[in-house]
C-alpha cells in the first residue's frame, strides 16, 4: 500500500496510517545519507533510476543570513 508523504516546513512529523507530513530537511538529509552510504539503491528495472539518482545527488543545502536552511 502506498504511503502519502507531504513535504512541510514545520518541525514535527505529523500524521498517521498512510498520510504523513514530514519536514523537507529531514527527508532530504535522510535520503542523502542513505544514498551516500549505499543503503538506498534503485532497481535497474526502474526506468527513471538514473535520473532520480542524479537529482538526489544534486541537492544542495544553503543557509540564509538568518540561519534558515534551504534545499
Protein backbone atom coordinates (compact mmCIF):
# COMPACT_ATOMS: atom_id res chain seq x y z
CA UNK A 1 0.00 0.00 0.00
CA UNK A 2 1.36 3.44 -0.89
CA UNK A 3 2.01 5.97 1.84
CA UNK A 4 1.36 9.66 1.12
CA UNK A 5 4.08 11.96 2.45
CA UNK A 6 3.73 15.72 2.21
CA UNK A 7 6.87 17.86 2.44
CA UNK A 8 6.36 20.52 5.09
CA UNK A 9 8.34 23.37 6.61
CA UNK A 10 7.29 22.52 10.16
CA UNK A 11 9.34 20.93 12.91
CA UNK A 12 7.13 17.98 13.82
CA UNK A 13 6.34 14.82 11.91
CA UNK A 14 2.56 14.64 11.74
CA UNK A 15 0.07 12.08 10.56
CA UNK A 16 -0.97 8.53 10.98
CA UNK A 17 -1.65 5.48 8.89
CA UNK A 18 -0.92 6.22 5.23
CA UNK A 19 -0.86 10.06 5.38
CA UNK A 20 2.13 11.91 6.83
CA UNK A 21 3.63 15.39 6.89
CA UNK A 22 7.42 15.46 7.21
CA UNK A 23 9.73 18.46 7.08
CA UNK A 24 11.71 18.67 3.86
CA UNK A 25 15.07 18.98 5.61
CA UNK A 26 14.54 15.65 7.40
CA UNK A 27 13.51 13.86 4.21
CA UNK A 28 16.34 15.25 2.11
CA UNK A 29 19.06 14.73 4.71
CA UNK A 30 17.92 11.13 5.33
CA UNK A 31 17.79 10.35 1.60
CA UNK A 32 21.19 11.96 1.09
CA UNK A 33 22.78 9.96 3.90
CA UNK A 34 21.29 6.67 2.71
CA UNK A 35 22.29 7.34 -0.89
CA UNK A 36 25.90 8.08 0.07
CA UNK A 37 26.24 5.04 2.35
CA UNK A 38 24.78 2.71 -0.28
CA UNK A 39 21.78 1.93 1.90
CA UNK A 40 19.48 3.44 -0.75
CA UNK A 41 19.63 1.75 -4.13
CA UNK A 42 17.38 1.84 -7.18
CA UNK A 43 16.24 -1.16 -9.16
CA UNK A 44 17.63 -1.43 -12.68
CA UNK A 45 14.04 -2.04 -13.75
CA UNK A 46 13.05 1.47 -12.66
CA UNK A 47 13.02 3.48 -15.88
CA UNK A 48 13.91 6.76 -14.17
CA UNK A 49 16.50 5.29 -11.77
CA UNK A 50 19.47 7.16 -13.23
CA UNK A 51 17.58 10.48 -13.37
CA UNK A 52 16.35 10.04 -9.79
CA UNK A 53 19.85 9.20 -8.55
CA UNK A 54 21.30 12.25 -10.33
CA UNK A 55 18.56 14.51 -8.97
CA UNK A 56 19.15 13.38 -5.39
CA UNK A 57 22.91 13.82 -5.71
CA UNK A 58 22.42 17.39 -6.95
CA UNK A 59 20.52 18.51 -3.82
CA UNK A 60 22.46 21.20 -2.01
CA UNK A 61 21.88 22.77 1.38
CA UNK A 62 22.13 26.54 1.73
CA UNK A 63 21.75 28.65 4.85
CA UNK A 64 20.29 32.14 4.68
CA UNK A 65 21.70 35.03 6.71
CA UNK A 66 19.02 34.32 9.32
CA UNK A 67 20.12 30.69 9.55
CA UNK A 68 17.18 29.20 7.69
CA UNK A 69 18.17 26.14 5.65
CA UNK A 70 17.09 25.81 2.05
CA UNK A 71 17.45 22.87 -0.28
